[in-house]
Amino acid sequence: MDARRGPFDEFVVATALLTRLPVGAALSADGAIAASGWAFPLVGAGIGALCALAFFVAGTLGCGPALAALIAVAAGLAITGALHEDGLADTADGFGGGSDRAAKLRIMRDSRHGTFGILALVLSIGLRAAALGTIGDPIHGGLALIAAHAAARGALPPMMLLLAPARPDGLGATAGRPSRAVAIAAALIGGGIALAVLGPATGLIALALGAGAIALAAMLARRQIGGYTGDVLGFFQQIGEIVMLLVAAAR
């Protein structure tokens, strides 16, 4: 994809990166991923909407709230290929098991998951499913899914702008650095979607707590490995999504 790509092309690139949907876009290291960052929350909203549909259909077919919630989370895993969950697990293994920066980065590159990674996955899936099951209602649960998926992905371009890549290769580095305009647009679109579907009160609380949690995760990443990798971005997304759903469940 050349430099003349437009908003639709950038949306397709974001979709190809964040989902397993066959959109026919090839990911490259020419800055296309960074430039498409403004579309991350829009793609996230679409993922959340598909998860919401799974939640609704499962409930309509007679599944209880707990089972319907697990099906909704499973739908998200299928749509994204567990992209962010894999990043969460690798980050947990690296941060928890590495003795120094080099060791942490080496462990994060290992495709095998250890104890820390498995525990992180269990907690992530369990907390999200529990939050959805607590909400119960498919309408409110569906709106929470849209908000969480959109806002959590909208936070990624700002983190890519504020932090430095932890190593010179890998997705974190080859994706490029989003411009300030792209980062601001992603945050505003993600925040706007969350406010629109959750309402101003719950939306503001969810966004504030989600942003605070991601900021703490960013501080941890900077301390542990000096910046971010593709896995760390997945870690950020998971933290944001979990917190957003927990806040929605507490309403």
C-alpha atoms as a PDB file:
ATOM      1  CA  MET A   1       0.000   0.000   0.000  1.00  0.00           C
ATOM      2  CA  ASP A   2       1.544   3.268  -1.050  1.00  0.00           C
ATOM      3  CA  ALA A   3       1.691   6.725   0.418  1.00  0.00           C
ATOM      4  CA  ARG A   4      -1.507   7.716  -1.372  1.00  0.00           C
ATOM      5  CA  ARG A   5      -3.661   5.504   0.845  1.00  0.00           C
ATOM      6  CA  GLY A   6      -6.789   7.185   2.156  1.00  0.00           C
ATOM      7  CA  PRO A   7      -8.970   6.770   5.254  1.00  0.00           C
ATOM      8  CA  PHE A   8     -10.684   3.664   3.885  1.00  0.00           C
ATOM      9  CA  ASP A   9      -7.326   2.030   3.138  1.00  0.00           C
ATOM     10  CA  GLU A  10      -6.133   2.866   6.646  1.00  0.00           C
ATOM     11  CA  PHE A  11      -9.308   1.383   8.123  1.00  0.00           C
ATOM     12  CA  VAL A  12      -8.646  -1.819   6.164  1.00  0.00           C
ATOM     13  CA  VAL A  13      -5.062  -1.927   7.472  1.00  0.00           C
ATOM     14  CA  ALA A  14      -6.337  -1.537  11.044  1.00  0.00           C
ATOM     15  CA  THR A  15      -8.854  -4.334  10.449  1.00  0.00           C
ATOM     16  CA  ALA A  16      -6.171  -6.620   9.038  1.00  0.00           C
ATOM     17  CA  LEU A  17      -3.948  -5.960  12.055  1.00  0.00           C
ATOM     18  CA  LEU A  18      -6.542  -6.299  14.806  1.00  0.00           C
ATOM     19  CA  THR A  19      -8.720  -9.109  13.451  1.00  0.00           C
ATOM     20  CA  ARG A  20      -8.606 -12.340  11.490  1.00  0.00           C
ATOM     21  CA  LEU A  21     -11.195 -11.041   9.021  1.00  0.00           C
ATOM     22  CA  PRO A  22     -10.114 -11.641   5.407  1.00  0.00           C
ATOM     23  CA  VAL A  23      -9.938  -8.022   4.257  1.00  0.00           C
ATOM     24  CA  GLY A  24      -7.074  -8.596   1.841  1.00  0.00           C
ATOM     25  CA  ALA A  25      -4.620  -6.018   3.210  1.00  0.00           C
ATOM     26  CA  ALA A  26      -0.938  -6.841   3.635  1.00  0.00           C
ATOM     27  CA  LEU A  27       0.768  -5.400   6.697  1.00  0.00           C
ATOM     28  CA  SER A  28       4.018  -3.617   5.917  1.00  0.00           C
ATOM     29  CA  ALA A  29       6.711  -1.611   7.664  1.00  0.00           C
ATOM     30  CA  ASP A  30       6.117   1.587   5.667  1.00  0.00           C
ATOM     31  CA  GLY A  31       4.263   3.403   8.432  1.00  0.00           C
ATOM     32  CA  ALA A  32       0.834   2.170   7.331  1.00  0.00           C
ATOM     33  CA  ILE A  33       0.062   0.629  10.732  1.00  0.00           C
ATOM     34  CA  ALA A  34       0.921   3.786  12.653  1.00  0.00           C
ATOM     35  CA  ALA A  35      -1.049   5.937  10.219  1.00  0.00           C
ATOM     36  CA  SER A  36      -4.079   3.656  10.630  1.00  0.00           C
ATOM     37  CA  GLY A  37      -4.092   4.077  14.415  1.00  0.00           C
ATOM     38  CA  TRP A  38      -7.023   6.503  14.349  1.00  0.00           C
ATOM     39  CA  ALA A  39      -9.178   3.586  13.108  1.00  0.00           C
ATOM     40  CA  PHE A  40      -8.232   1.233  15.957  1.00  0.00           C
ATOM     41  CA  PRO A  41     -11.240   2.231  18.114  1.00  0.00           C
ATOM     42  CA  LEU A  42     -13.611   1.915  15.143  1.00  0.00           C
ATOM     43  CA  VAL A  43     -12.393  -1.616  14.487  1.00  0.00           C
ATOM     44  CA  GLY A  44     -12.644  -2.248  18.224  1.00  0.00           C
ATOM     45  CA  ALA A  45     -16.256  -1.086  18.235  1.00  0.00           C
ATOM     46  CA  GLY A  46     -16.976  -3.533  15.423  1.00  0.00           C
ATOM     47  CA  ILE A  47     -15.360  -6.367  17.359  1.00  0.00           C
ATOM     48  CA  GLY A  48     -17.380  -5.401  20.418  1.00  0.00           C
ATOM     49  CA  ALA A  49     -20.572  -5.346  18.352  1.00  0.00           C
ATOM     50  CA  LEU A  50     -19.928  -8.884  17.092  1.00  0.00           C
ATOM     51  CA  CYS A  51     -19.256 -10.038  20.660  1.00  0.00           C
ATOM     52  CA  ALA A  52     -22.470  -8.313  21.727  1.00  0.00           C
ATOM     53  CA  LEU A  53     -24.353 -10.195  19.005  1.00  0.00           C
ATOM     54  CA  ALA A  54     -22.937 -13.482  20.300  1.00  0.00           C
ATOM     55  CA  PHE A  55     -23.993 -12.504  23.845  1.00  0.00           C
ATOM     56  CA  PHE A  56     -27.526 -11.707  22.644  1.00  0.00           C
ATOM     57  CA  VAL A  57     -27.917 -14.846  20.539  1.00  0.00           C
ATOM     58  CA  ALA A  58     -26.624 -17.077  23.337  1.00  0.00           C
ATOM     59  CA  GLY A  59     -29.122 -15.550  25.746  1.00  0.00           C
ATOM     60  CA  THR A  60     -31.950 -15.887  23.226  1.00  0.00           C
ATOM     61  CA  LEU A  61     -31.145 -19.578  22.792  1.00  0.00           C
ATOM     62  CA  GLY A  62     -31.577 -20.112  26.532  1.00  0.00           C
ATOM     63  CA  CYS A  63     -28.022 -19.905  27.798  1.00  0.00           C
ATOM     64  CA  GLY A  64     -27.723 -18.418  31.276  1.00  0.00           C
ATOM     65  CA  PRO A  65     -25.808 -15.155  31.831  1.00  0.00           C
ATOM     66  CA  ALA A  66     -22.569 -16.917  32.802  1.00  0.00           C
ATOM     67  CA  LEU A  67     -22.524 -19.190  29.759  1.00  0.00           C
ATOM     68  CA  ALA A  68     -23.603 -16.379  27.420  1.00  0.00           C
ATOM     69  CA  ALA A  69     -20.791 -14.216  28.813  1.00  0.00           C
ATOM     70  CA  LEU A  70     -18.198 -16.911  28.129  1.00  0.00           C
ATOM     71  CA  ILE A  71     -19.534 -17.314  24.598  1.00  0.00           C
ATOM     72  CA  ALA A  72     -19.233 -13.548  24.032  1.00  0.00           C
ATOM     73  CA  VAL A  73     -15.619 -13.568  25.236  1.00  0.00           C
ATOM     74  CA  ALA A  74     -14.915 -16.619  23.062  1.00  0.00           C
ATOM     75  CA  ALA A  75     -16.343 -14.773  20.055  1.00  0.00           C
ATOM     76  CA  GLY A  76     -13.842 -11.986  20.639  1.00  0.00           C
ATOM     77  CA  LEU A  77     -11.005 -14.504  20.808  1.00  0.00           C
ATOM     78  CA  ALA A  78     -12.096 -16.024  17.500  1.00  0.00           C
ATOM     79  CA  ILE A  79     -12.461 -12.678  15.720  1.00  0.00           C
ATOM     80  CA  THR A  80      -9.076 -11.355  16.830  1.00  0.00           C
ATOM     81  CA  GLY A  81      -7.162 -14.625  16.866  1.00  0.00           C
ATOM     82  CA  ALA A  82      -6.437 -13.953  20.555  1.00  0.00           C
ATOM     83  CA  LEU A  83      -3.962 -11.287  19.409  1.00  0.00           C
ATOM     84  CA  HIS A  84      -4.081  -9.197  22.569  1.00  0.00           C
ATOM     85  CA  GLU A  85      -4.423 -12.168  24.896  1.00  0.00           C
ATOM     86  CA  ASP A  86      -1.207 -13.596  23.459  1.00  0.00           C
ATOM     87  CA  GLY A  87       0.487 -10.266  24.141  1.00  0.00           C
ATOM     88  CA  LEU A  88      -0.827 -10.242  27.695  1.00  0.00           C
ATOM     89  CA  ALA A  89       0.487 -13.749  28.354  1.00  0.00           C
ATOM     90  CA  ASP A  90       3.918 -13.045  26.840  1.00  0.00           C
ATOM     91  CA  THR A  91       4.211  -9.813  28.813  1.00  0.00           C
ATOM     92  CA  ALA A  92       3.231 -11.512  32.069  1.00  0.00           C
ATOM     93  CA  ASP A  93       5.817 -14.239  31.485  1.00  0.00           C
ATOM     94  CA  GLY A  94       8.546 -11.734  30.615  1.00  0.00           C
ATOM     95  CA  PHE A  95       7.884  -9.254  33.394  1.00  0.00           C
ATOM     96  CA  GLY A  96       7.342 -11.988  35.953  1.00  0.00           C
ATOM     97  CA  GLY A  97      10.105 -14.373  34.988  1.00  0.00           C
ATOM     98  CA  GLY A  98      12.974 -12.320  33.578  1.00  0.00           C
ATOM     99  CA  SER A  99      15.855 -11.290  35.815  1.00  0.00           C
ATOM    100  CA  ASP A 100      16.890  -8.315  33.677  1.00  0.00           C
ATOM    101  CA  ARG A 101      15.755  -6.374  30.601  1.00  0.00           C
ATOM    102  CA  ALA A 102      17.431  -8.701  28.111  1.00  0.00           C
ATOM    103  CA  ALA A 103      15.998 -11.792  29.781  1.00  0.00           C
ATOM    104  CA  LYS A 104      12.515 -10.287  29.884  1.00  0.00           C
ATOM    105  CA  LEU A 105      12.598  -9.478  26.168  1.00  0.00           C
ATOM    106  CA  ARG A 106      13.937 -12.947  25.377  1.00  0.00           C
ATOM    107  CA  ILE A 107      11.150 -14.630  27.343  1.00  0.00           C
ATOM    108  CA  MET A 108       8.521 -12.439  25.666  1.00  0.00           C
ATOM    109  CA  ARG A 109       9.731 -13.685  22.262  1.00  0.00           C
ATOM    110  CA  ASP A 110       9.220 -17.309  23.281  1.00  0.00           C
ATOM    111  CA  SER A 111       5.931 -18.572  21.830  1.00  0.00           C
ATOM    112  CA  ARG A 112       5.469 -20.945  24.753  1.00  0.00           C
ATOM    113  CA  HIS A 113       3.532 -19.674  27.775  1.00  0.00           C
ATOM    114  CA  GLY A 114       4.629 -20.183  31.353  1.00  0.00           C
ATOM    115  CA  THR A 115       2.879 -19.988  34.694  1.00  0.00           C
ATOM    116  CA  PHE A 116       2.596 -16.195  34.763  1.00  0.00           C
ATOM    117  CA  GLY A 117       1.176 -16.084  31.270  1.00  0.00           C
ATOM    118  CA  ILE A 118      -1.381 -18.823  31.897  1.00  0.00           C
ATOM    119  CA  LEU A 119      -2.518 -17.174  35.123  1.00  0.00           C
ATOM    120  CA  ALA A 120      -2.851 -13.831  33.319  1.00  0.00           C
ATOM    121  CA  LEU A 121      -5.036 -15.441  30.653  1.00  0.00           C
ATOM    122  CA  VAL A 122      -7.242 -17.169  33.223  1.00  0.00           C
ATOM    123  CA  LEU A 123      -7.714 -13.908  35.111  1.00  0.00           C
ATOM    124  CA  SER A 124      -8.396 -11.912  31.950  1.00  0.00           C
ATOM    125  CA  ILE A 125     -11.012 -14.284  30.567  1.00  0.00           C
ATOM    126  CA  GLY A 126     -12.507 -14.899  34.008  1.00  0.00           C
ATOM    127  CA  LEU A 127     -12.834 -11.227  34.947  1.00  0.00           C
ATOM    128  CA  ARG A 128     -14.367 -10.257  31.614  1.00  0.00           C
ATOM    129  CA  ALA A 129     -16.822 -13.150  31.647  1.00  0.00           C
ATOM    130  CA  ALA A 130     -17.720 -12.461  35.282  1.00  0.00           C
ATOM    131  CA  ALA A 131     -18.343  -8.799  34.504  1.00  0.00           C
ATOM    132  CA  LEU A 132     -20.613  -9.639  31.576  1.00  0.00           C
ATOM    133  CA  GLY A 133     -22.410 -12.294  33.585  1.00  0.00           C
ATOM    134  CA  THR A 134     -22.984  -9.764  36.365  1.00  0.00           C
ATOM    135  CA  ILE A 135     -24.451  -7.288  33.884  1.00  0.00           C
ATOM    136  CA  GLY A 136     -26.668 -10.072  32.565  1.00  0.00           C
ATOM    137  CA  ASP A 137     -28.891  -7.943  30.355  1.00  0.00           C
ATOM    138  CA  PRO A 138     -27.841  -8.395  26.698  1.00  0.00           C
ATOM    139  CA  ILE A 139     -28.471  -4.742  25.817  1.00  0.00           C
ATOM    140  CA  HIS A 140     -26.379  -3.279  28.636  1.00  0.00           C
ATOM    141  CA  GLY A 141     -23.804  -6.034  28.246  1.00  0.00           C
ATOM    142  CA  GLY A 142     -23.591  -5.432  24.515  1.00  0.00           C
ATOM    143  CA  LEU A 143     -23.091  -1.704  24.972  1.00  0.00           C
ATOM    144  CA  ALA A 144     -20.379  -2.371  27.560  1.00  0.00           C
ATOM    145  CA  LEU A 145     -18.603  -4.658  25.083  1.00  0.00           C
ATOM    146  CA  ILE A 146     -18.664  -2.016  22.364  1.00  0.00           C
ATOM    147  CA  ALA A 147     -17.347   0.643  24.760  1.00  0.00           C
ATOM    148  CA  ALA A 148     -14.601  -1.549  26.216  1.00  0.00           C
ATOM    149  CA  HIS A 149     -13.312  -2.855  22.896  1.00  0.00           C
ATOM    150  CA  ALA A 150     -13.336   0.606  21.305  1.00  0.00           C
ATOM    151  CA  ALA A 151     -11.770   2.592  24.154  1.00  0.00           C
ATOM    152  CA  ALA A 152      -9.095  -0.001  24.957  1.00  0.00           C
ATOM    153  CA  ARG A 153      -7.871   0.006  21.354  1.00  0.00           C
ATOM    154  CA  GLY A 154      -8.171   3.772  21.145  1.00  0.00           C
ATOM    155  CA  ALA A 155      -5.545   3.988  23.890  1.00  0.00           C
ATOM    156  CA  LEU A 156      -2.892   2.140  21.882  1.00  0.00           C
ATOM    157  CA  PRO A 157      -1.768   4.927  19.480  1.00  0.00           C
ATOM    158  CA  PRO A 158      -1.222   7.396  22.372  1.00  0.00           C
ATOM    159  CA  MET A 159       0.900   4.774  24.131  1.00  0.00           C
ATOM    160  CA  MET A 160       2.882   4.211  20.914  1.00  0.00           C
ATOM    161  CA  LEU A 161       3.513   7.947  20.750  1.00  0.00           C
ATOM    162  CA  LEU A 162       4.436   8.440  24.398  1.00  0.00           C
ATOM    163  CA  LEU A 163       6.636   5.372  24.843  1.00  0.00           C
ATOM    164  CA  ALA A 164       9.637   4.242  22.810  1.00  0.00           C
ATOM    165  CA  PRO A 165       9.943   0.806  21.191  1.00  0.00           C
ATOM    166  CA  ALA A 166      11.846  -1.495  23.548  1.00  0.00           C
ATOM    167  CA  ARG A 167      13.777  -3.138  20.704  1.00  0.00           C
ATOM    168  CA  PRO A 168      14.609  -2.215  17.108  1.00  0.00           C
ATOM    169  CA  ASP A 169      12.655  -5.066  15.523  1.00  0.00           C
ATOM    170  CA  GLY A 170       9.320  -6.746  16.062  1.00  0.00           C
ATOM    171  CA  LEU A 171       5.836  -5.336  15.524  1.00  0.00           C
ATOM    172  CA  GLY A 172       6.247  -2.571  18.090  1.00  0.00           C
ATOM    173  CA  ALA A 173       9.117  -1.046  16.121  1.00  0.00           C
ATOM    174  CA  THR A 174       8.149  -1.873  12.547  1.00  0.00           C
ATOM    175  CA  ALA A 175       4.615  -0.516  12.986  1.00  0.00           C
ATOM    176  CA  GLY A 176       6.053   3.010  13.076  1.00  0.00           C
ATOM    177  CA  ARG A 177       5.274   5.930  15.356  1.00  0.00           C
ATOM    178  CA  PRO A 178       1.805   7.482  15.033  1.00  0.00           C
ATOM    179  CA  SER A 179       1.607  11.224  14.637  1.00  0.00           C
ATOM    180  CA  ARG A 180       0.192  13.352  17.414  1.00  0.00           C
ATOM    181  CA  ALA A 181      -2.938  13.934  15.311  1.00  0.00           C
ATOM    182  CA  VAL A 182      -3.474  10.193  14.863  1.00  0.00           C
ATOM    183  CA  ALA A 183      -2.966   9.511  18.581  1.00  0.00           C
ATOM    184  CA  ILE A 184      -5.382  12.271  19.602  1.00  0.00           C
ATOM    185  CA  ALA A 185      -7.971  11.130  17.051  1.00  0.00           C
ATOM    186  CA  ALA A 186      -7.785   7.537  18.316  1.00  0.00           C
ATOM    187  CA  ALA A 187      -8.252   8.637  21.937  1.00  0.00           C
ATOM    188  CA  LEU A 188     -11.134  10.949  21.069  1.00  0.00           C
ATOM    189  CA  ILE A 189     -12.930   8.401  18.897  1.00  0.00           C
ATOM    190  CA  GLY A 190     -12.534   5.652  21.493  1.00  0.00           C
ATOM    191  CA  GLY A 191     -13.614   7.945  24.311  1.00  0.00           C
ATOM    192  CA  GLY A 192     -16.512   9.305  22.297  1.00  0.00           C
ATOM    193  CA  ILE A 193     -17.831   5.828  21.540  1.00  0.00           C
ATOM    194  CA  ALA A 194     -17.601   4.847  25.211  1.00  0.00           C
ATOM    195  CA  LEU A 195     -19.437   7.974  26.345  1.00  0.00           C
ATOM    196  CA  ALA A 196     -22.120   7.518  23.690  1.00  0.00           C
ATOM    197  CA  VAL A 197     -22.954   3.920  24.621  1.00  0.00           C
ATOM    198  CA  LEU A 198     -22.365   3.972  28.387  1.00  0.00           C
ATOM    199  CA  GLY A 199     -23.699   7.450  29.100  1.00  0.00           C
ATOM    200  CA  PRO A 200     -21.755  10.397  30.503  1.00  0.00           C
ATOM    201  CA  ALA A 201     -21.598   9.295  34.141  1.00  0.00           C
ATOM    202  CA  THR A 202     -20.590   5.647  33.742  1.00  0.00           C
ATOM    203  CA  GLY A 203     -18.605   6.455  30.611  1.00  0.00           C
ATOM    204  CA  LEU A 204     -16.460   9.085  32.318  1.00  0.00           C
ATOM    205  CA  ILE A 205     -15.752   6.827  35.294  1.00  0.00           C
ATOM    206  CA  ALA A 206     -14.884   3.894  33.033  1.00  0.00           C
ATOM    207  CA  LEU A 207     -12.626   6.021  30.849  1.00  0.00           C
ATOM    208  CA  ALA A 208     -10.872   7.617  33.820  1.00  0.00           C
ATOM    209  CA  LEU A 209     -10.201   4.304  35.554  1.00  0.00           C
ATOM    210  CA  GLY A 210      -9.264   2.589  32.301  1.00  0.00           C
ATOM    211  CA  ALA A 211      -6.834   5.375  31.388  1.00  0.00           C
ATOM    212  CA  GLY A 212      -5.355   5.299  34.883  1.00  0.00           C
ATOM    213  CA  ALA A 213      -4.851   1.532  34.718  1.00  0.00           C
ATOM    214  CA  ILE A 214      -3.179   1.751  31.301  1.00  0.00           C
ATOM    215  CA  ALA A 215      -0.964   4.604  32.532  1.00  0.00           C
ATOM    216  CA  LEU A 216       0.192   2.433  35.425  1.00  0.00           C
ATOM    217  CA  ALA A 217       0.810  -0.441  33.007  1.00  0.00           C
ATOM    218  CA  ALA A 218       2.859   1.927  30.823  1.00  0.00           C
ATOM    219  CA  MET A 219       4.952   2.970  33.805  1.00  0.00           C
ATOM    220  CA  LEU A 220       5.551  -0.690  34.584  1.00  0.00           C
ATOM    221  CA  ALA A 221       6.570  -1.413  30.987  1.00  0.00           C
ATOM    222  CA  ARG A 222       9.003   1.493  30.946  1.00  0.00           C
ATOM    223  CA  ARG A 223      10.540   0.289  34.199  1.00  0.00           C
ATOM    224  CA  GLN A 224      10.725  -3.346  33.107  1.00  0.00           C
ATOM    225  CA  ILE A 225      11.948  -3.104  29.504  1.00  0.00           C
ATOM    226  CA  GLY A 226      12.303   0.601  28.728  1.00  0.00           C
ATOM    227  CA  GLY A 227       9.249   0.955  26.482  1.00  0.00           C
ATOM    228  CA  TYR A 228       6.778  -1.136  24.533  1.00  0.00           C
ATOM    229  CA  THR A 229       6.639  -4.081  22.166  1.00  0.00           C
ATOM    230  CA  GLY A 230       3.714  -5.521  20.242  1.00  0.00           C
ATOM    231  CA  ASP A 231       3.094  -7.835  23.207  1.00  0.00           C
ATOM    232  CA  VAL A 232       3.024  -4.897  25.608  1.00  0.00           C
ATOM    233  CA  LEU A 233       0.425  -3.152  23.455  1.00  0.00           C
ATOM    234  CA  GLY A 234      -1.724  -6.274  23.829  1.00  0.00           C
ATOM    235  CA  PHE A 235      -1.177  -6.053  27.585  1.00  0.00           C
ATOM    236  CA  PHE A 236      -2.393  -2.434  27.549  1.00  0.00           C
ATOM    237  CA  GLN A 237      -5.490  -3.379  25.549  1.00  0.00           C
ATOM    238  CA  GLN A 238      -6.415  -6.187  27.913  1.00  0.00           C
ATOM    239  CA  ILE A 239      -6.015  -3.980  30.987  1.00  0.00           C
ATOM    240  CA  GLY A 240      -8.238  -1.304  29.464  1.00  0.00           C
ATOM    241  CA  GLU A 241     -10.924  -3.743  28.349  1.00  0.00           C
ATOM    242  CA  ILE A 242     -11.063  -5.492  31.718  1.00  0.00           C
ATOM    243  CA  VAL A 243     -11.363  -2.258  33.686  1.00  0.00           C
ATOM    244  CA  MET A 244     -14.047  -0.854  31.370  1.00  0.00           C
ATOM    245  CA  LEU A 245     -16.162  -3.999  31.720  1.00  0.00           C
ATOM    246  CA  LEU A 246     -15.732  -4.092  35.500  1.00  0.00           C
ATOM    247  CA  VAL A 247     -16.913  -0.493  35.788  1.00  0.00           C
ATOM    248  CA  ALA A 248     -19.914  -1.230  33.564  1.00  0.00           C
ATOM    249  CA  ALA A 249     -20.766  -4.221  35.773  1.00  0.00           C
ATOM    250  CA  ALA A 250     -20.651  -2.052  38.896  1.00  0.00           C
ATOM    251  CA  ARG A 251     -23.275   0.441  37.668  1.00  0.00           C
END
